[in-house]
Protein backbone atom coordinates (compact mmCIF):
# COMPACT_ATOMS: atom_id res chain seq x y z
CA MET A 1 -8.71 -6.72 43.03
CA LEU A 2 -7.05 -7.62 39.69
CA LEU A 3 -3.86 -9.33 39.80
CA GLY A 4 -1.21 -9.61 37.07
CA THR A 5 1.98 -8.28 35.80
CA PRO A 6 2.30 -4.40 36.05
CA GLN A 7 1.88 -2.50 33.07
CA GLN A 8 3.90 0.68 32.08
CA ILE A 9 1.70 3.85 31.21
CA GLU A 10 3.11 6.44 28.88
CA PHE A 11 1.57 9.84 28.92
CA SER A 12 1.41 11.55 25.44
CA PRO A 13 3.23 15.02 25.31
CA PHE A 14 0.02 16.32 23.41
CA PHE A 15 -1.56 16.27 26.56
CA SER A 16 0.92 17.90 28.79
CA THR A 17 -0.38 19.26 32.27
CA GLU A 18 2.42 21.88 32.32
CA PRO A 19 0.85 25.60 32.29
CA ILE A 20 1.02 27.84 29.61
CA VAL A 21 2.70 30.78 30.50
CA ILE A 22 1.25 34.07 29.31
CA SER A 23 3.58 37.04 28.78
CA GLN A 24 3.16 40.65 27.76
CA VAL A 25 5.73 42.24 25.21
CA SER A 26 6.23 46.14 24.35
CA ALA A 27 6.15 46.87 20.79
CA VAL A 28 7.39 50.08 19.63
CA TRP A 29 6.84 51.47 16.14
CA ILE A 30 10.23 52.70 15.39
CA GLY A 31 9.12 55.67 12.90
CA GLY A 32 7.96 56.97 9.69
CA SER A 33 5.12 55.19 7.53
CA GLY A 34 4.23 51.83 6.84
CA SER A 35 2.19 48.30 7.22
CA TRP A 36 1.64 47.26 10.57
CA ASN A 37 2.87 43.87 8.89
CA GLU A 38 6.31 45.07 8.42
CA PRO A 39 8.70 43.52 11.04
CA ALA A 40 11.69 45.98 10.40
CA LYS A 41 9.08 48.79 11.45
CA TRP A 42 9.02 47.25 14.80
CA SER A 43 11.51 47.28 17.91
CA GLY A 44 12.61 43.66 18.26
CA GLY A 45 11.58 43.13 14.47
CA VAL A 46 8.34 41.57 15.52
CA VAL A 47 4.87 42.46 14.45
CA PRO A 48 2.66 42.43 17.27
CA ASN A 49 -0.40 40.24 17.05
CA ASN A 50 -1.58 38.14 20.33
CA GLY A 51 -0.84 34.81 20.18
CA LEU A 52 2.06 34.99 17.90
CA PRO A 53 4.22 33.43 19.47
CA ALA A 54 1.93 31.29 21.61
CA GLY A 55 1.25 32.62 25.11
CA THR A 56 2.15 36.38 24.06
CA THR A 57 0.15 39.55 24.45
CA TYR A 58 1.35 42.93 23.28
CA ASN A 59 1.37 46.42 24.47
CA VAL A 60 1.81 48.53 21.37
CA PHE A 61 3.10 51.98 21.14
CA ILE A 62 2.98 54.27 18.06
CA ASP A 63 5.55 55.76 17.87
CA ASN A 64 6.59 56.73 21.62
CA GLY A 65 8.30 60.12 20.49
CA ASN A 66 10.31 58.38 17.87
CA VAL A 67 9.59 60.62 14.91
CA ASN A 68 6.43 62.80 14.38
CA PHE A 69 3.91 62.25 11.85
CA SER A 70 3.92 58.37 11.83
CA THR A 71 1.17 56.71 10.00
CA VAL A 72 0.66 52.70 10.50
CA THR A 73 -1.76 50.97 8.50
CA ILE A 74 -3.46 47.73 9.17
CA THR A 75 -4.49 45.67 6.37
CA THR A 76 -5.44 42.24 8.04
CA PRO A 77 -7.18 41.04 11.28
CA ILE A 78 -4.67 42.13 14.43
CA SER A 79 -5.34 41.62 17.85
CA ILE A 80 -3.36 43.30 21.03
CA ASP A 81 -4.06 44.19 24.79
CA ASP A 82 -2.78 47.76 25.13
CA LEU A 83 -2.52 50.77 22.55
CA SER A 84 -0.75 54.28 22.90
CA ILE A 85 -0.83 56.74 20.23
CA SER A 86 1.54 59.69 20.46
CA THR A 87 0.41 63.24 19.29
CA ASN A 88 0.75 63.84 15.25
CA ASP A 89 0.77 60.00 14.86
CA THR A 90 -2.08 57.88 13.04
CA LEU A 91 -3.20 54.50 13.12
CA THR A 92 -5.52 53.77 10.02
CA ILE A 93 -7.64 50.34 9.71
CA ASN A 94 -7.91 49.92 6.07
CA ASN A 95 -11.14 48.78 4.50
CA GLY A 96 -12.09 45.31 5.51
CA ALA A 97 -9.32 44.80 8.38
CA SER A 98 -9.81 44.88 11.87
CA LEU A 99 -8.16 45.72 15.35
CA THR A 100 -9.20 43.93 18.52
CA VAL A 101 -8.10 45.37 21.81
CA VAL A 102 -8.38 42.81 24.50
CA ASN A 103 -8.64 42.94 28.12
CA SER A 104 -6.79 39.61 28.74
CA GLY A 105 -5.94 40.28 32.84
CA THR A 106 -2.29 40.37 31.26
CA GLY A 107 -2.91 43.75 29.70
CA THR A 108 -5.41 45.99 30.92
CA GLY A 109 -7.34 46.52 27.72
CA ALA A 110 -6.44 50.35 27.46
CA ILE A 111 -6.25 52.56 24.51
CA SER A 112 -4.38 56.09 25.28
CA ASN A 113 -4.89 58.04 21.98
CA ASN A 114 -3.41 61.19 21.37
CA GLY A 115 -3.35 61.17 17.69
CA ILE A 116 -5.72 59.69 15.16
CA ILE A 117 -7.31 56.28 14.72
CA ARG A 118 -8.91 56.16 11.45
CA LEU A 119 -11.31 53.60 10.24
CA SER A 120 -11.43 53.73 6.54
CA GLY A 121 -14.39 51.73 5.76
CA GLY A 122 -15.54 50.99 2.01
CA PRO A 123 -17.19 48.23 0.39
CA ASN A 124 -16.24 46.00 3.33
CA PHE A 125 -16.86 46.28 7.10
CA THR A 126 -13.86 47.95 9.00
CA ASP A 127 -13.77 47.18 12.61
CA LEU A 128 -12.54 48.47 15.90
CA ILE A 129 -13.36 45.58 18.09
CA ILE A 130 -13.33 45.47 22.02
CA ASP A 131 -12.95 41.95 23.94
CA GLY A 132 -13.51 42.74 27.57
CA ASP A 133 -14.09 46.08 29.23
CA VAL A 134 -11.85 48.66 27.35
CA TYR A 135 -10.99 52.06 28.33
CA VAL A 136 -10.01 54.94 26.12
CA MET A 137 -8.30 58.07 27.39
CA GLY A 138 -6.12 60.79 25.80
CA ASN A 139 -7.32 63.59 23.59
CA GLY A 140 -7.14 62.28 20.51
CA THR A 141 -10.00 61.26 17.66
CA ILE A 142 -11.43 58.27 16.68
CA HIS A 143 -12.41 58.98 12.54
CA MET A 144 -14.78 56.80 11.30
CA PHE A 145 -13.87 57.74 7.77
CA GLY A 146 -15.36 56.70 4.06
CA GLY A 147 -18.71 54.93 4.54
CA ILE A 148 -21.37 53.62 6.70
CA LYS A 149 -19.50 49.92 7.04
CA ASN A 150 -17.26 51.26 9.92
CA ARG A 151 -17.87 49.57 13.38
CA ILE A 152 -16.80 50.07 16.69
CA TYR A 153 -18.53 47.18 18.64
CA ALA A 154 -17.70 44.20 21.19
CA LEU A 155 -17.25 40.50 21.07
CA SER A 156 -19.84 40.48 24.08
CA ALA A 157 -22.86 42.59 24.80
CA THR A 158 -21.74 42.84 28.45
CA ASP A 159 -18.22 44.38 27.36
CA THR A 160 -18.11 47.93 27.95
CA LEU A 161 -16.19 50.65 25.99
CA THR A 162 -15.60 53.56 28.11
CA ASN A 163 -14.66 56.66 26.37
CA ASP A 164 -13.11 59.57 28.52
CA GLY A 165 -11.56 62.25 26.16
CA ASN A 166 -11.20 60.87 22.64
CA THR A 167 -13.69 62.68 20.24
CA ILE A 168 -15.61 59.94 17.89
CA HIS A 169 -16.85 61.23 14.74
CA GLY A 170 -17.80 60.33 11.05
CA SER A 171 -20.06 57.71 9.90
CA GLY A 172 -20.88 54.02 10.76
CA ASN A 173 -22.04 51.94 13.77
CA ILE A 174 -20.92 52.49 17.26
CA GLY A 175 -22.14 49.26 19.35
CA ASN A 176 -23.55 47.37 16.64
CA ASN A 177 -26.10 45.71 19.28
CA SER A 178 -22.98 44.16 20.86
CA MET A 179 -21.50 46.52 23.30
CA THR A 180 -22.39 48.70 26.65
CA LEU A 181 -21.10 52.39 25.77
CA ASN A 182 -19.89 54.59 28.42
CA ASN A 183 -19.42 57.91 26.86
CA GLN A 184 -17.64 60.96 28.70
CA SER A 185 -16.63 62.88 25.69
CA THR A 186 -17.96 63.75 22.38
CA ILE A 187 -19.55 61.77 19.44
CA ARG A 188 -20.42 63.70 16.43
CA ALA A 189 -22.14 62.84 13.02
CA ASN A 190 -20.36 65.34 10.92
CA THR A 191 -20.62 63.67 7.29
CA PHE A 192 -23.55 63.27 4.90
CA GLU A 193 -23.69 59.37 5.81
CA THR A 194 -25.30 58.02 8.66
CA LEU A 195 -23.64 57.50 12.11
CA THR A 196 -25.60 55.09 14.04
CA ILE A 197 -25.33 54.28 18.12
CA ASP A 198 -26.64 51.13 18.58
CA PRO A 199 -25.52 49.66 21.90
CA ALA A 200 -26.69 46.10 23.19
CA GLY A 201 -29.82 45.61 25.44
CA SER A 202 -27.67 46.80 28.42
CA GLY A 203 -27.40 50.19 26.56
CA CYS A 204 -25.39 53.40 27.40
CA ILE A 205 -24.25 54.16 30.86
């Protein structure tokens, strides 16, 4: 046993044992055309991107019936939990940009697409990425447009993309050897460039 004067112990605030509270925020595109990164185009004036602010995930609606024929353009890497696109509305992922849809447990990793998701690949990879098991529903289309550098893939080979209703067409790579694909709808190679279906070793189900 050590004897002596008791010492005061201080804990640094940088090692807080307080849990990080994760909350989901709904973000609605107000209407019209514009860049995803324009705060004024979103309800609440905040650009939806998971982790900004810390602990926040996003459930995104384009455009939830506000204005027909809205077009939203992604030009940087964006991450969200859930995505809904209304009829007559379009989400374009520009050349070199990416959209990651996450099944975090706070959100469900769901894509409800009744409009158009467009991957506009060019000289750089243009990506729709899933993180966890992601479910696509609705009667919309996923258009892989403009070249073979469009990619739809997962962060883990065990992550599954289930497509129940959307038509996927165009050119590029679905799977990128890093995704399980459960396709219950139509995949159509309908351009002069190659469309490759390349699931991970676990394959298609």
